Every structure is written in structure tokens, then in C-alpha cells.
C-alpha atoms as a PDB file:
ATOM      1  CA  MET A   1       0.000   0.000   0.000  1.00  0.00           C
ATOM      2  CA  SER A   2       1.437   3.362  -0.988  1.00  0.00           C
ATOM      3  CA  ARG A   3       2.000   6.108   1.566  1.00  0.00           C
ATOM      4  CA  LYS A   4      -0.527   8.303  -0.255  1.00  0.00           C
ATOM      5  CA  ASN A   5      -3.111   5.509  -0.219  1.00  0.00           C
ATOM      6  CA  LYS A   6      -2.510   4.842   3.487  1.00  0.00           C
ATOM      7  CA  ALA A   7      -2.974   8.546   4.312  1.00  0.00           C
ATOM      8  CA  LEU A   8      -6.181   8.662   2.270  1.00  0.00           C
ATOM      9  CA  LEU A   9      -7.577   5.627   4.095  1.00  0.00           C
ATOM     10  CA  GLU A  10      -6.643   7.116   7.496  1.00  0.00           C
ATOM     11  CA  ILE A  11      -8.478  10.336   6.648  1.00  0.00           C
ATOM     12  CA  ALA A  12     -11.455   8.344   5.348  1.00  0.00           C
ATOM     13  CA  LYS A  13     -11.549   6.394   8.621  1.00  0.00           C
ATOM     14  CA  ASP A  14     -11.524   9.680  10.578  1.00  0.00           C
ATOM     15  CA  ILE A  15     -14.384  10.974   8.443  1.00  0.00           C
ATOM     16  CA  GLY A  16     -16.692   7.969   8.443  1.00  0.00           C
ATOM     17  CA  GLY A  17     -15.112   4.947  10.076  1.00  0.00           C
ATOM     18  CA  ASP A  18     -14.753   1.561   8.420  1.00  0.00           C
ATOM     19  CA  GLU A  19     -17.646   2.241   6.042  1.00  0.00           C
ATOM     20  CA  ALA A  20     -15.832   5.267   4.596  1.00  0.00           C
ATOM     21  CA  VAL A  21     -12.704   3.138   4.142  1.00  0.00           C
ATOM     22  CA  GLU A  22     -14.752   0.573   2.183  1.00  0.00           C
ATOM     23  CA  ILE A  23     -16.249   3.296  -0.012  1.00  0.00           C
ATOM     24  CA  VAL A  24     -12.818   4.805  -0.737  1.00  0.00           C
ATOM     25  CA  LYS A  25     -11.422   1.372  -1.607  1.00  0.00           C
ATOM     26  CA  ALA A  26     -14.377   0.716  -3.936  1.00  0.00           C
ATOM     27  CA  LEU A  27     -13.917   4.111  -5.621  1.00  0.00           C
ATOM     28  CA  GLU A  28     -10.193   3.455  -6.041  1.00  0.00           C
ATOM     29  CA  LYS A  29     -10.950   0.147  -7.744  1.00  0.00           C
ATOM     30  CA  LYS A  30     -13.809   1.388  -9.913  1.00  0.00           C
ATOM     31  CA  GLY A  31     -12.458   4.862 -10.657  1.00  0.00           C
ATOM     32  CA  GLU A  32     -15.898   6.409 -10.947  1.00  0.00           C
ATOM     33  CA  ALA A  33     -19.276   5.243  -9.644  1.00  0.00           C
ATOM     34  CA  THR A  34     -22.723   6.395  -8.604  1.00  0.00           C
ATOM     35  CA  ASP A  35     -23.797   6.227  -4.987  1.00  0.00           C
ATOM     36  CA  GLU A  36     -26.118   3.321  -5.861  1.00  0.00           C
ATOM     37  CA  GLU A  37     -23.247   1.389  -7.462  1.00  0.00           C
ATOM     38  CA  LEU A  38     -21.065   1.994  -4.411  1.00  0.00           C
ATOM     39  CA  ALA A  39     -23.865   0.817  -2.122  1.00  0.00           C
ATOM     40  CA  GLU A  40     -24.196  -2.357  -4.179  1.00  0.00           C
ATOM     41  CA  ILE A  41     -20.429  -2.993  -4.244  1.00  0.00           C
ATOM     42  CA  THR A  42     -19.874  -2.364  -0.523  1.00  0.00           C
ATOM     43  CA  GLY A  43     -23.172  -3.576   0.926  1.00  0.00           C
ATOM     44  CA  ILE A  44     -23.560  -0.249   2.749  1.00  0.00           C
ATOM     45  CA  ARG A  45     -26.948   1.513   2.738  1.00  0.00           C
ATOM     46  CA  VAL A  46     -27.315   4.152   0.008  1.00  0.00           C
ATOM     47  CA  ASN A  47     -28.096   6.921   2.521  1.00  0.00           C
ATOM     48  CA  THR A  48     -24.911   6.123   4.442  1.00  0.00           C
ATOM     49  CA  VAL A  49     -22.901   6.028   1.199  1.00  0.00           C
ATOM     50  CA  ARG A  50     -24.250   9.474   0.241  1.00  0.00           C
ATOM     51  CA  LYS A  51     -23.492  10.890   3.692  1.00  0.00           C
ATOM     52  CA  ILE A  52     -19.898   9.635   3.483  1.00  0.00           C
ATOM     53  CA  LEU A  53     -19.466  10.864  -0.105  1.00  0.00           C
ATOM     54  CA  TYR A  54     -20.614  14.347   0.914  1.00  0.00           C
ATOM     55  CA  ALA A  55     -18.240  14.289   3.892  1.00  0.00           C
ATOM     56  CA  LEU A  56     -15.375  13.302   1.549  1.00  0.00           C
ATOM     57  CA  TYR A  57     -16.506  16.075  -0.809  1.00  0.00           C
ATOM     58  CA  ASP A  58     -16.455  18.597   2.062  1.00  0.00           C
ATOM     59  CA  GLU A  59     -12.855  17.554   2.792  1.00  0.00           C
ATOM     60  CA  LYS A  60     -12.101  17.925  -0.956  1.00  0.00           C
ATOM     61  CA  LEU A  61     -11.185  14.242  -1.244  1.00  0.00           C
ATOM     62  CA  ALA A  62     -14.023  13.338  -3.615  1.00  0.00           C
ATOM     63  CA  ASP A  63     -15.750  15.099  -6.469  1.00  0.00           C
ATOM     64  CA  PHE A  64     -18.581  14.281  -8.834  1.00  0.00           C
ATOM     65  CA  LYS A  65     -19.944  15.022 -12.252  1.00  0.00           C
ATOM     66  CA  ARG A  66     -23.658  15.393 -12.807  1.00  0.00           C
ATOM     67  CA  ILE A  67     -25.163  13.778 -15.893  1.00  0.00           C
ATOM     68  CA  LYS A  68     -28.789  14.116 -16.933  1.00  0.00           C
ATOM     69  CA  ASP A  69     -30.603  11.060 -18.274  1.00  0.00           C
ATOM     70  CA  GLU A  70     -32.476  12.418 -21.321  1.00  0.00           C
ATOM     71  CA  GLU A  71     -35.181   9.730 -21.146  1.00  0.00           C
ATOM     72  CA  THR A  72     -36.123  10.127 -17.483  1.00  0.00           C
ATOM     73  CA  GLY A  73     -34.906  13.669 -16.833  1.00  0.00           C
ATOM     74  CA  TRP A  74     -33.158  12.408 -13.720  1.00  0.00           C
ATOM     75  CA  TYR A  75     -29.643  13.441 -12.768  1.00  0.00           C
ATOM     76  CA  TYR A  76     -27.006  10.860 -11.958  1.00  0.00           C
ATOM     77  CA  TYR A  77     -23.962  11.751  -9.903  1.00  0.00           C
ATOM     78  CA  TYR A  78     -20.745   9.966 -10.803  1.00  0.00           C
ATOM     79  CA  TRP A  79     -18.272  10.154  -7.939  1.00  0.00           C
ATOM     80  CA  HIS A  80     -14.482   9.866  -8.083  1.00  0.00           C
ATOM     81  CA  LEU A  81     -11.617  10.400  -5.668  1.00  0.00           C
ATOM     82  CA  GLU A  82      -9.711  13.666  -5.826  1.00  0.00           C
ATOM     83  CA  THR A  83      -6.223  13.052  -4.437  1.00  0.00           C
ATOM     84  CA  LYS A  84      -4.221  15.822  -6.133  1.00  0.00           C
ATOM     85  CA  ARG A  85      -4.603  18.022  -3.076  1.00  0.00           C
ATOM     86  CA  LEU A  86      -4.006  15.207  -0.567  1.00  0.00           C
ATOM     87  CA  PRO A  87      -0.663  16.586   0.726  1.00  0.00           C
ATOM     88  CA  GLU A  88      -2.274  19.996   1.250  1.00  0.00           C
ATOM     89  CA  ILE A  89      -5.257  18.395   3.018  1.00  0.00           C
ATOM     90  CA  ILE A  90      -2.973  16.336   5.259  1.00  0.00           C
ATOM     91  CA  ARG A  91      -1.006  19.467   6.172  1.00  0.00           C
ATOM     92  CA  ALA A  92      -4.208  21.393   6.985  1.00  0.00           C
ATOM     93  CA  ARG A  93      -5.443  18.539   9.183  1.00  0.00           C
ATOM     94  CA  LYS A  94      -2.095  18.423  11.006  1.00  0.00           C
ATOM     95  CA  LEU A  95      -2.210  22.192  11.557  1.00  0.00           C
ATOM     96  CA  ARG A  96      -5.721  21.865  13.043  1.00  0.00           C
ATOM     97  CA  GLU A  97      -4.473  19.035  15.270  1.00  0.00           C
ATOM     98  CA  LEU A  98      -1.510  21.188  16.348  1.00  0.00           C
ATOM     99  CA  GLU A  99      -3.816  24.063  17.313  1.00  0.00           C
ATOM    100  CA  ARG A 100      -6.072  21.665  19.244  1.00  0.00           C
ATOM    101  CA  LEU A 101      -3.085  20.236  21.144  1.00  0.00           C
ATOM    102  CA  LYS A 102      -1.745  23.723  21.940  1.00  0.00           C
ATOM    103  CA  LYS A 103      -5.150  24.687  23.311  1.00  0.00           C
ATOM    104  CA  MET A 104      -5.218  21.521  25.447  1.00  0.00           C
ATOM    105  CA  LEU A 105      -1.696  22.284  26.716  1.00  0.00           C
ATOM    106  CA  GLN A 106      -2.762  25.825  27.612  1.00  0.00           C
ATOM    107  CA  GLU A 107      -5.739  24.445  29.571  1.00  0.00           C
ATOM    108  CA  GLU A 108      -3.631  21.796  31.330  1.00  0.00           C
ATOM    109  CA  THR A 109      -0.935  24.285  32.384  1.00  0.00           C
ATOM    110  CA  SER A 110      -3.255  27.110  33.420  1.00  0.00           C
ATOM    111  CA  GLU A 111      -5.597  25.073  35.647  1.00  0.00           C
ATOM    112  CA  VAL A 112      -5.197  23.064  38.828  1.00  0.00           C
ATOM    113  CA  TYR A 113      -7.262  19.900  38.601  1.00  0.00           C
ATOM    114  CA  TYR A 114      -8.756  17.668  41.277  1.00  0.00           C
ATOM    115  CA  HIS A 115      -9.721  14.020  41.021  1.00  0.00           C
ATOM    116  CA  CYS A 116     -11.087  11.218  43.218  1.00  0.00           C
ATOM    117  CA  GLY A 117      -8.762   8.548  41.823  1.00  0.00           C
ATOM    118  CA  ASN A 118     -11.364   6.639  39.800  1.00  0.00           C
ATOM    119  CA  PRO A 119     -10.242   6.783  36.140  1.00  0.00           C
ATOM    120  CA  GLU A 120     -13.866   6.708  34.966  1.00  0.00           C
ATOM    121  CA  HIS A 121     -14.742   9.875  36.884  1.00  0.00           C
ATOM    122  CA  PRO A 122     -13.985  13.350  35.542  1.00  0.00           C
ATOM    123  CA  LYS A 123     -11.192  15.569  36.756  1.00  0.00           C
ATOM    124  CA  LEU A 124     -12.481  18.891  38.017  1.00  0.00           C
ATOM    125  CA  THR A 125     -11.064  22.397  37.946  1.00  0.00           C
ATOM    126  CA  PHE A 126     -10.477  24.189  41.242  1.00  0.00           C
ATOM    127  CA  ASP A 127     -13.744  26.126  40.852  1.00  0.00           C
ATOM    128  CA  GLU A 128     -15.715  22.938  40.128  1.00  0.00           C
ATOM    129  CA  ALA A 129     -14.064  21.086  43.026  1.00  0.00           C
ATOM    130  CA  PHE A 130     -14.823  24.026  45.337  1.00  0.00           C
ATOM    131  CA  GLU A 131     -18.446  23.985  44.181  1.00  0.00           C
ATOM    132  CA  TYR A 132     -18.722  20.297  45.187  1.00  0.00           C
ATOM    133  CA  GLY A 133     -16.941  20.830  48.508  1.00  0.00           C
ATOM    134  CA  PHE A 134     -13.896  18.915  47.211  1.00  0.00           C
ATOM    135  CA  THR A 135     -15.884  15.678  47.055  1.00  0.00           C
ATOM    136  CA  CYS A 136     -16.472  13.703  43.867  1.00  0.00           C
ATOM    137  CA  PRO A 137     -19.967  14.436  42.504  1.00  0.00           C
ATOM    138  CA  ILE A 138     -20.257  10.788  41.380  1.00  0.00           C
ATOM    139  CA  CYS A 139     -18.845   8.643  44.202  1.00  0.00           C
ATOM    140  CA  GLY A 140     -18.511  11.130  47.082  1.00  0.00           C
ATOM    141  CA  GLU A 141     -14.778  10.439  47.635  1.00  0.00           C
ATOM    142  CA  ILE A 142     -12.526  13.300  48.715  1.00  0.00           C
ATOM    143  CA  LEU A 143     -10.889  15.020  45.757  1.00  0.00           C
ATOM    144  CA  GLN A 144      -7.090  15.232  45.649  1.00  0.00           C
ATOM    145  CA  GLU A 145      -4.998  17.541  43.523  1.00  0.00           C
ATOM    146  CA  TYR A 146      -4.450  15.797  40.189  1.00  0.00           C
ATOM    147  CA  ASP A 147      -0.865  15.496  38.949  1.00  0.00           C
ATOM    148  CA  ASN A 148      -1.166  16.218  35.243  1.00  0.00           C
ATOM    149  CA  SER A 149       2.592  16.454  34.577  1.00  0.00           C
ATOM    150  CA  ALA A 150       2.506  13.251  32.479  1.00  0.00           C
ATOM    151  CA  VAL A 151      -0.341  14.681  30.380  1.00  0.00           C
ATOM    152  CA  ILE A 152       1.563  17.952  29.936  1.00  0.00           C
ATOM    153  CA  GLU A 153       4.745  16.131  28.883  1.00  0.00           C
ATOM    154  CA  GLU A 154       2.824  13.966  26.408  1.00  0.00           C
ATOM    155  CA  LEU A 155       1.153  17.055  24.904  1.00  0.00           C
ATOM    156  CA  LYS A 156       4.518  18.842  24.605  1.00  0.00           C
ATOM    157  CA  LYS A 157       6.034  15.778  22.949  1.00  0.00           C
ATOM    158  CA  ARG A 158       3.185  15.467  20.430  1.00  0.00           C
ATOM    159  CA  ILE A 159       3.273  19.216  19.688  1.00  0.00           C
ATOM    160  CA  GLU A 160       7.025  19.031  19.049  1.00  0.00           C
ATOM    161  CA  GLU A 161       6.569  16.004  16.750  1.00  0.00           C
ATOM    162  CA  LEU A 162       3.873  17.781  14.748  1.00  0.00           C
ATOM    163  CA  GLU A 163       5.893  20.994  14.493  1.00  0.00           C
ATOM    164  CA  ILE A 164       8.874  19.000  13.180  1.00  0.00           C
ATOM    165  CA  GLU A 165       6.646  17.129  10.683  1.00  0.00           C
ATOM    166  CA  LEU A 166       5.204  20.428   9.480  1.00  0.00           C
ATOM    167  CA  GLY A 167       8.630  22.051   9.199  1.00  0.00           C
ATOM    168  CA  LEU A 168       7.812  24.643  11.853  1.00  0.00           C
ATOM    169  CA  ARG A 169      10.698  23.502  14.049  1.00  0.00           C
ATOM    170  CA  PRO A 170      14.030  21.923  13.111  1.00  0.00           C
ATOM    171  CA  SER A 171      14.537  18.315  14.063  1.00  0.00           C
ATOM    172  CA  PRO A 172      16.722  18.064  17.185  1.00  0.00           C
ATOM    173  CA  LYS A 173      18.433  14.962  15.745  1.00  0.00           C
ATOM    174  CA  LYS A 174      19.637  16.890  12.708  1.00  0.00           C
ATOM    175  CA  GLU A 175      21.077  19.636  14.896  1.00  0.00           C
ATOM    176  CA  LYS A 176      22.974  17.107  17.028  1.00  0.00           C
ATOM    177  CA  LYS A 177      24.415  15.417  13.938  1.00  0.00           C
ATOM    178  CA  LYS A 178      25.610  18.746  12.566  1.00  0.00           C
ATOM    179  CA  THR A 179      27.180  19.626  15.906  1.00  0.00           C
ATOM    180  CA  ARG A 180      28.961  16.267  16.109  1.00  0.00           C
ATOM    181  CA  ALA A 181      30.204  16.602  12.529  1.00  0.00           C
ATOM    182  CA  LYS A 182      31.573  20.086  13.262  1.00  0.00           C
ATOM    183  CA  ALA A 183      33.292  18.810  16.415  1.00  0.00           C
ATOM    184  CA  LYS A 184      34.932  15.990  14.446  1.00  0.00           C
ATOM    185  CA  ARG A 185      36.161  18.429  11.796  1.00  0.00           C
ATOM    186  CA  LYS A 186      37.630  20.725  14.454  1.00  0.00           C
ATOM    187  CA  THR A 187      39.365  17.778  16.129  1.00  0.00           C
ATOM    188  CA  ARG A 188      40.871  16.636  12.818  1.00  0.00           C
ATOM    189  CA  LYS A 189      42.223  20.116  12.021  1.00  0.00           C
ATOM    190  CA  LYS A 190      44.147  20.270  15.310  1.00  0.00           C
END
């Protein structure tokens, strides 16, 4: 499977789950098809196929041409994948993800959270915890300050990875290699 194909299928899965992946695969095979043909090929209900096709269209990953049947006067929509802009779409999605992660990091670092210790129960901000008298609104346990340092570190790590992928930050590995190479050259000259 090509890298481009894998990225397309990942985006399709984000858009509409496994059904969207099946529709994309069917469109790749067929090249161009109506929603009814895709429903028949995949076994997915026509309404679901249409919903997914419109979602792919909104993401600019699918397009259609409209052809009028002269006998019936009905219009048929022939769908096809539009992958020319895939790198641009992937970049835009990564930028949105980066902004979302930065917002989460801002929230995690600017708030003090409290938690009862049960992973299924929500963590509460100071104001929320105060409102509940520092007891869990679900189980009644006393709330303790929540150590979110692991969450913060994970967010920072993911933000750094995305910034490197997007070319917004140089890769630290490359910088180290350059520094080592310069040090070796200086040592050799002496």
C-alpha cells in the first residue's frame, strides 16, 4: 500500500469509520461510480454512502460530475476520488491538530485539577471542586490535587513532533548530527 493511499484511508476512517474506508477502496478500484453502485459494491446503505461521499466532498477528497438522463430527466452523480490536493489536506489537518493540542496544553498548564482517583470519573477544575466541597460528585470520595505532569509532557512531545513534521521547528536529531560533525572536523584540524 502506498504512503498516499494509506494517508487517504486514514483520513477516510476519521471521516466515516470503516464504512468510509470501504467506499474509498471501492472508488479506487472502480475509478468512478454512482452512490447506488457503491452501495451495491460495498453492501452499505445508500443513505450512508451518500453521507460519506458528501463528507469526503467537504474535505475535498471526492468530487462528482452530474449527468442528466435524457429519457427520465433524472440526474445521476458519478463520484471519483480527488487526491491531487491530498498533501495539502494532510497538512491542513495536522495544523488543526496542532492548534487543538496547543489549546489543550494551555488548559492543562493554566488550571489546577482535582480528582477522586477513579479513572472513569472526571477531573475537576479548582472552581468545580470548590463547588462540590472537594468531594467527587459521582462517588462522594474526597478530591485530591491531580498530577497532570505526564499529560503535559505527552502534549509537549506530540506538539514538538507535529511541528517537526510540518517544518515549523528543526529536528533536534539533525542539529545534534551537525554539531557532532563540526566537532569531528575541528578535532581533525588540530
